Amino acid sequence: MKERFGIVNIVKEIQETDIPKLAHYADKEANPLYPVPKLMDASELEKFYYMLMSLTSEKGDCVL
């Protein structure tokens, strides 16, 4: 389905200097407003932004 809709594995526009602010905003918006299996704080959310910036393998999967 990702291929069908052109969903990519990385977001090249994310700047490393923006990650702390993005994680902070995501933390404030999502916690506790959205029902999720696990609540995460801003430091945990930062990891996801770094994953989105990561280089991809030949298959297009994130490489950490």
C-alpha atoms as a PDB file:
ATOM      1  CA  MET A   1       0.000   0.000   0.000  1.00  0.00           C
ATOM      2  CA  LYS A   2       2.921   2.343   0.686  1.00  0.00           C
ATOM      3  CA  GLU A   3       4.151   1.927  -2.873  1.00  0.00           C
ATOM      4  CA  ARG A   4       0.674   2.389  -4.304  1.00  0.00           C
ATOM      5  CA  PHE A   5       0.276   5.754  -2.587  1.00  0.00           C
ATOM      6  CA  GLY A   6       3.913   6.840  -2.868  1.00  0.00           C
ATOM      7  CA  ILE A   7       4.598   6.908   0.873  1.00  0.00           C
ATOM      8  CA  VAL A   8       8.330   7.207   1.496  1.00  0.00           C
ATOM      9  CA  ASN A   9      10.414   5.835   4.371  1.00  0.00           C
ATOM     10  CA  ILE A  10      12.388   8.996   5.006  1.00  0.00           C
ATOM     11  CA  VAL A  11      11.518  12.663   5.218  1.00  0.00           C
ATOM     12  CA  LYS A  12      14.541  14.516   3.895  1.00  0.00           C
ATOM     13  CA  GLU A  13      13.107  17.893   4.864  1.00  0.00           C
ATOM     14  CA  ILE A  14      13.473  17.237   8.607  1.00  0.00           C
ATOM     15  CA  GLN A  15      16.400  19.208  10.000  1.00  0.00           C
ATOM     16  CA  GLU A  16      18.232  17.810  13.015  1.00  0.00           C
ATOM     17  CA  THR A  17      18.079  21.205  14.712  1.00  0.00           C
ATOM     18  CA  ASP A  18      14.257  21.073  14.520  1.00  0.00           C
ATOM     19  CA  ILE A  19      13.849  17.671  16.163  1.00  0.00           C
ATOM     20  CA  PRO A  20      13.697  18.793  19.827  1.00  0.00           C
ATOM     21  CA  LYS A  21      10.968  21.318  19.014  1.00  0.00           C
ATOM     22  CA  LEU A  22       9.020  18.854  16.839  1.00  0.00           C
ATOM     23  CA  ALA A  23       9.167  16.220  19.583  1.00  0.00           C
ATOM     24  CA  HIS A  24       8.050  18.761  22.182  1.00  0.00           C
ATOM     25  CA  TYR A  25       5.047  19.792  20.069  1.00  0.00           C
ATOM     26  CA  ALA A  26       4.130  16.160  19.348  1.00  0.00           C
ATOM     27  CA  ASP A  27       4.346  15.374  23.060  1.00  0.00           C
ATOM     28  CA  LYS A  28       2.072  18.273  23.998  1.00  0.00           C
ATOM     29  CA  GLU A  29      -0.476  17.485  21.287  1.00  0.00           C
ATOM     30  CA  ALA A  30      -0.692  13.722  21.752  1.00  0.00           C
ATOM     31  CA  ASN A  31      -0.390  13.313  25.502  1.00  0.00           C
ATOM     32  CA  PRO A  32      -2.969  12.607  26.902  1.00  0.00           C
ATOM     33  CA  LEU A  33      -5.388  13.538  24.096  1.00  0.00           C
ATOM     34  CA  TYR A  34      -5.002  10.506  21.817  1.00  0.00           C
ATOM     35  CA  PRO A  35      -5.678   6.918  22.905  1.00  0.00           C
ATOM     36  CA  VAL A  36      -2.469   5.026  22.220  1.00  0.00           C
ATOM     37  CA  PRO A  37      -1.072   1.756  23.603  1.00  0.00           C
ATOM     38  CA  LYS A  38       1.966   3.529  25.078  1.00  0.00           C
ATOM     39  CA  LEU A  39       2.462   7.140  26.066  1.00  0.00           C
ATOM     40  CA  MET A  40       5.859   8.553  25.147  1.00  0.00           C
ATOM     41  CA  ASP A  41       7.561  11.717  26.277  1.00  0.00           C
ATOM     42  CA  ALA A  42       9.431  14.151  24.034  1.00  0.00           C
ATOM     43  CA  SER A  43      12.791  12.370  24.412  1.00  0.00           C
ATOM     44  CA  GLU A  44      11.257   9.095  23.249  1.00  0.00           C
ATOM     45  CA  LEU A  45       9.485  10.827  20.369  1.00  0.00           C
ATOM     46  CA  GLU A  46      12.783  12.333  19.177  1.00  0.00           C
ATOM     47  CA  LYS A  47      13.929   8.829  18.234  1.00  0.00           C
ATOM     48  CA  PHE A  48      11.140   8.602  15.655  1.00  0.00           C
ATOM     49  CA  TYR A  49      12.222  11.834  13.996  1.00  0.00           C
ATOM     50  CA  TYR A  50      15.788  10.525  13.774  1.00  0.00           C
ATOM     51  CA  MET A  51      14.436   7.319  12.218  1.00  0.00           C
ATOM     52  CA  LEU A  52      12.624   9.391   9.597  1.00  0.00           C
ATOM     53  CA  MET A  53      15.907  11.148   8.760  1.00  0.00           C
ATOM     54  CA  SER A  54      17.947   7.929   8.536  1.00  0.00           C
ATOM     55  CA  LEU A  55      19.558   6.671   5.387  1.00  0.00           C
ATOM     56  CA  THR A  56      17.644   3.897   3.702  1.00  0.00           C
ATOM     57  CA  SER A  57      18.824   0.497   2.614  1.00  0.00           C
ATOM     58  CA  GLU A  58      18.465  -0.752  -0.942  1.00  0.00           C
ATOM     59  CA  LYS A  59      15.005  -2.081  -0.069  1.00  0.00           C
ATOM     60  CA  GLY A  60      13.943   1.349   1.153  1.00  0.00           C
ATOM     61  CA  ASP A  61      13.711   0.261   4.776  1.00  0.00           C
ATOM     62  CA  CYS A  62      15.064   2.488   7.510  1.00  0.00           C
ATOM     63  CA  VAL A  63      18.557   1.589   8.652  1.00  0.00           C
ATOM     64  CA  LEU A  64      19.468   2.539  12.209  1.00  0.00           C
END
